[in-house]
Amino acid sequence: MRYLTTREAAAILGVDPSRVRLLCQRGRIKTIRIGNTYAIPEGELQRFGAIPRRAGRPRRSQTAFPQTATKTPFQQGVLPSQ
């Protein structure tokens, strides 16, 4: 079994090595820790790369930010004084 470094995995996935380290820390990519380094099995990288993903940033949920903000004077129809 061949193991890859985060830099090699990043080149294969087309992302930054810091993104691969984050995925390893969160458990999205199964790894083996050797000291301060992640060793990623080649089969695990193929499994992760085969998972379909939507492009772009995930939408934020509506419940996370309720519409409690107050309106500015301009939104209320009042022009600011000069």
Protein backbone atom coordinates (compact mmCIF):
# COMPACT_ATOMS: atom_id res chain seq x y z
CA MET A 1 0.00 0.00 0.00
CA ARG A 2 1.35 3.40 -0.99
CA TYR A 3 0.99 6.44 1.31
CA LEU A 4 0.91 10.06 0.17
CA THR A 5 1.86 13.28 1.91
CA THR A 6 -0.55 16.20 2.17
CA ARG A 7 1.41 18.01 -0.54
CA GLU A 8 1.12 15.05 -2.94
CA ALA A 9 -2.58 14.61 -2.13
CA ALA A 10 -3.19 18.33 -2.72
CA ALA A 11 -1.56 18.11 -6.15
CA ILE A 12 -3.79 15.17 -7.09
CA LEU A 13 -6.98 16.81 -5.79
CA GLY A 14 -6.09 20.24 -7.18
CA VAL A 15 -6.37 22.03 -3.83
CA ASP A 16 -4.01 23.71 -1.38
CA PRO A 17 -2.11 21.48 1.09
CA SER A 18 -3.70 23.37 4.00
CA ARG A 19 -7.14 22.28 2.71
CA VAL A 20 -6.00 18.63 2.71
CA ARG A 21 -4.72 19.02 6.29
CA LEU A 22 -8.08 20.49 7.33
CA LEU A 23 -9.94 17.58 5.70
CA CYS A 24 -7.66 15.17 7.57
CA GLN A 25 -8.21 16.95 10.91
CA ARG A 26 -11.98 16.85 10.44
CA GLY A 27 -11.91 13.14 9.55
CA ARG A 28 -13.20 13.57 6.00
CA ILE A 29 -10.03 11.85 4.74
CA LYS A 30 -8.89 8.86 6.81
CA THR A 31 -5.20 9.08 7.61
CA ILE A 32 -2.41 7.72 9.74
CA ARG A 33 -0.50 10.21 11.88
CA ILE A 34 3.26 9.76 11.86
CA GLY A 35 4.59 12.31 14.29
CA ASN A 36 3.42 15.68 13.00
CA THR A 37 2.69 14.43 9.47
CA TYR A 38 -0.37 12.87 7.86
CA ALA A 39 0.11 9.72 5.78
CA ILE A 40 -2.83 9.29 3.40
CA PRO A 41 -3.42 5.85 1.87
CA GLU A 42 -3.72 6.07 -1.91
CA GLY A 43 -7.00 4.14 -1.86
CA GLU A 44 -8.50 6.60 0.62
CA LEU A 45 -7.60 9.51 -1.64
CA GLN A 46 -9.28 7.76 -4.58
CA ARG A 47 -12.39 7.19 -2.44
CA PHE A 48 -12.52 10.84 -1.38
CA GLY A 49 -11.94 12.07 -4.93
CA ALA A 50 -14.82 9.95 -6.24
CA ILE A 51 -17.40 11.59 -3.94
CA PRO A 52 -19.47 14.07 -6.02
CA ARG A 53 -19.48 17.63 -4.72
CA ARG A 54 -21.25 20.82 -5.64
CA ALA A 55 -19.04 23.69 -6.64
CA GLY A 56 -18.96 26.87 -4.62
CA ARG A 57 -19.54 27.91 -1.07
CA PRO A 58 -22.30 26.15 0.88
CA ARG A 59 -25.45 28.19 1.46
CA ARG A 60 -25.89 29.49 4.96
CA SER A 61 -28.98 28.33 6.75
CA GLN A 62 -31.86 30.74 7.31
CA THR A 63 -32.10 29.80 10.99
CA ALA A 64 -28.50 30.75 11.67
CA PHE A 65 -29.15 34.46 11.02
CA PRO A 66 -32.72 35.48 11.84
CA GLN A 67 -33.99 38.73 10.38
CA THR A 68 -33.69 40.72 13.63
CA ALA A 69 -31.54 43.54 12.30
CA THR A 70 -33.02 47.00 12.58
CA LYS A 71 -33.61 49.08 9.49
CA THR A 72 -31.34 52.00 8.70
CA PRO A 73 -32.91 55.46 8.34
CA PHE A 74 -32.52 55.23 4.56
CA GLN A 75 -34.49 51.95 4.45
CA GLN A 76 -37.26 53.57 6.52
CA GLY A 77 -37.65 56.36 3.95
CA VAL A 78 -35.89 59.04 6.02
CA LEU A 79 -32.99 60.78 4.33
CA PRO A 80 -29.97 61.55 6.52
CA SER A 81 -29.52 65.24 7.34
CA GLN A 82 -26.61 67.04 5.75
